[in-house]
Amino acid sequence: MRPYNQYILCLAILTGLANTAMAFREQESLEVYLIVNSVLFLGFTVLHIRLGHRTRKAVDLIGLAVFSGIMAIVLVRTIRDLSGH
């Protein structure tokens, strides 16, 4: 199996298990789902270093978008907490 296919398969299994666990715990916040899935993606991507140059470049761009999403959530939450709402 090619490293990229193995990466996608393992990432799909990890996120599927995480989402199933959160569903069983009756998690209703979409922010929690986004953050957990993002941390899984970023952490697994860092650990999976056998990707080719072009594939790694594409995955890095996706990682940048995911990290930006996390930072947007943190920024909105911080502003909301500081403003007292």
C-alpha atoms as a PDB file:
ATOM      1  CA  MET A   1       0.000   0.000   0.000  1.00  0.00           C
ATOM      2  CA  ARG A   2       1.324   3.428  -0.891  1.00  0.00           C
ATOM      3  CA  PRO A   3       2.197   5.721   2.026  1.00  0.00           C
ATOM      4  CA  TYR A   4      -0.412   8.301   0.960  1.00  0.00           C
ATOM      5  CA  ASN A   5      -3.174   5.682   0.841  1.00  0.00           C
ATOM      6  CA  GLN A   6      -2.083   4.330   4.214  1.00  0.00           C
ATOM      7  CA  TYR A   7      -2.110   7.882   5.616  1.00  0.00           C
ATOM      8  CA  ILE A   8      -5.654   8.541   4.349  1.00  0.00           C
ATOM      9  CA  LEU A   9      -6.938   5.179   5.622  1.00  0.00           C
ATOM     10  CA  CYS A  10      -5.447   5.616   9.098  1.00  0.00           C
ATOM     11  CA  LEU A  11      -6.680   9.200   9.334  1.00  0.00           C
ATOM     12  CA  ALA A  12     -10.199   8.125   8.324  1.00  0.00           C
ATOM     13  CA  ILE A  13     -10.203   5.378  10.947  1.00  0.00           C
ATOM     14  CA  LEU A  14      -8.918   7.720  13.683  1.00  0.00           C
ATOM     15  CA  THR A  15     -11.442  10.470  12.961  1.00  0.00           C
ATOM     16  CA  GLY A  16     -14.235   7.922  12.653  1.00  0.00           C
ATOM     17  CA  LEU A  17     -13.421   6.474  16.061  1.00  0.00           C
ATOM     18  CA  ALA A  18     -13.113   9.926  17.616  1.00  0.00           C
ATOM     19  CA  ASN A  19     -16.426  11.105  16.153  1.00  0.00           C
ATOM     20  CA  THR A  20     -18.152   7.901  17.276  1.00  0.00           C
ATOM     21  CA  ALA A  21     -16.798   8.337  20.798  1.00  0.00           C
ATOM     22  CA  MET A  22     -17.974  11.957  20.927  1.00  0.00           C
ATOM     23  CA  ALA A  23     -21.402  10.947  19.612  1.00  0.00           C
ATOM     24  CA  PHE A  24     -21.750   8.290  22.316  1.00  0.00           C
ATOM     25  CA  ARG A  25     -20.808  10.895  24.919  1.00  0.00           C
ATOM     26  CA  GLU A  26     -23.605  13.080  23.438  1.00  0.00           C
ATOM     27  CA  GLN A  27     -21.322  15.973  22.546  1.00  0.00           C
ATOM     28  CA  GLU A  28     -23.419  18.697  20.918  1.00  0.00           C
ATOM     29  CA  SER A  29     -20.861  21.444  20.322  1.00  0.00           C
ATOM     30  CA  LEU A  30     -19.555  21.622  16.756  1.00  0.00           C
ATOM     31  CA  GLU A  31     -16.536  23.512  18.064  1.00  0.00           C
ATOM     32  CA  VAL A  32     -15.454  20.460  20.029  1.00  0.00           C
ATOM     33  CA  TYR A  33     -15.818  18.240  16.962  1.00  0.00           C
ATOM     34  CA  LEU A  34     -13.754  20.662  14.882  1.00  0.00           C
ATOM     35  CA  ILE A  35     -11.020  20.985  17.485  1.00  0.00           C
ATOM     36  CA  VAL A  36     -10.749  17.238  18.157  1.00  0.00           C
ATOM     37  CA  ASN A  37     -10.667  16.392  14.453  1.00  0.00           C
ATOM     38  CA  SER A  38      -8.168  19.169  13.800  1.00  0.00           C
ATOM     39  CA  VAL A  39      -5.838  18.020  16.567  1.00  0.00           C
ATOM     40  CA  LEU A  40      -6.051  14.453  15.265  1.00  0.00           C
ATOM     41  CA  PHE A  41      -5.271  15.632  11.743  1.00  0.00           C
ATOM     42  CA  LEU A  42      -2.363  17.841  12.751  1.00  0.00           C
ATOM     43  CA  GLY A  43      -0.890  15.324  15.193  1.00  0.00           C
ATOM     44  CA  PHE A  44      -1.176  12.369  12.841  1.00  0.00           C
ATOM     45  CA  THR A  45       0.261  14.406   9.971  1.00  0.00           C
ATOM     46  CA  VAL A  46       3.297  15.363  12.036  1.00  0.00           C
ATOM     47  CA  LEU A  47       3.861  11.710  12.966  1.00  0.00           C
ATOM     48  CA  HIS A  48       3.379  10.463   9.407  1.00  0.00           C
ATOM     49  CA  ILE A  49       6.565  11.749   7.755  1.00  0.00           C
ATOM     50  CA  ARG A  50       6.846   9.273   4.872  1.00  0.00           C
ATOM     51  CA  LEU A  51       4.814  11.377   2.443  1.00  0.00           C
ATOM     52  CA  GLY A  52       6.303  12.494  -0.850  1.00  0.00           C
ATOM     53  CA  HIS A  53       7.273  16.097  -1.560  1.00  0.00           C
ATOM     54  CA  ARG A  54       4.172  17.048  -3.594  1.00  0.00           C
ATOM     55  CA  THR A  55       1.823  15.219  -1.249  1.00  0.00           C
ATOM     56  CA  ARG A  56       3.477  16.789   1.784  1.00  0.00           C
ATOM     57  CA  LYS A  57       3.041  20.248   0.249  1.00  0.00           C
ATOM     58  CA  ALA A  58      -0.692  19.664  -0.267  1.00  0.00           C
ATOM     59  CA  VAL A  59      -1.140  18.260   3.241  1.00  0.00           C
ATOM     60  CA  ASP A  60       0.735  21.242   4.695  1.00  0.00           C
ATOM     61  CA  LEU A  61      -1.701  23.629   2.980  1.00  0.00           C
ATOM     62  CA  ILE A  62      -4.635  21.699   4.408  1.00  0.00           C
ATOM     63  CA  GLY A  63      -2.964  21.780   7.822  1.00  0.00           C
ATOM     64  CA  LEU A  64      -2.579  25.539   7.571  1.00  0.00           C
ATOM     65  CA  ALA A  65      -6.302  25.890   6.861  1.00  0.00           C
ATOM     66  CA  VAL A  66      -7.168  23.598   9.781  1.00  0.00           C
ATOM     67  CA  PHE A  67      -4.879  25.490  12.147  1.00  0.00           C
ATOM     68  CA  SER A  68      -6.429  28.781  10.981  1.00  0.00           C
ATOM     69  CA  GLY A  69      -9.859  27.383  11.833  1.00  0.00           C
ATOM     70  CA  ILE A  70      -8.731  26.497  15.345  1.00  0.00           C
ATOM     71  CA  MET A  71      -7.229  29.940  15.834  1.00  0.00           C
ATOM     72  CA  ALA A  72     -10.451  31.578  14.606  1.00  0.00           C
ATOM     73  CA  ILE A  73     -12.452  29.627  17.202  1.00  0.00           C
ATOM     74  CA  VAL A  74      -9.997  30.575  19.950  1.00  0.00           C
ATOM     75  CA  LEU A  75     -10.099  34.245  18.909  1.00  0.00           C
ATOM     76  CA  VAL A  76     -13.911  34.381  18.807  1.00  0.00           C
ATOM     77  CA  ARG A  77     -14.171  32.613  22.176  1.00  0.00           C
ATOM     78  CA  THR A  78     -11.595  34.966  23.742  1.00  0.00           C
ATOM     79  CA  ILE A  79     -13.336  38.085  22.446  1.00  0.00           C
ATOM     80  CA  ARG A  80     -16.707  36.769  23.659  1.00  0.00           C
ATOM     81  CA  ASP A  81     -15.315  35.989  27.120  1.00  0.00           C
ATOM     82  CA  LEU A  82     -13.561  39.341  27.460  1.00  0.00           C
ATOM     83  CA  SER A  83     -16.610  41.294  26.349  1.00  0.00           C
ATOM     84  CA  GLY A  84     -18.778  39.565  28.984  1.00  0.00           C
ATOM     85  CA  HIS A  85     -21.354  37.929  26.682  1.00  0.00           C
END
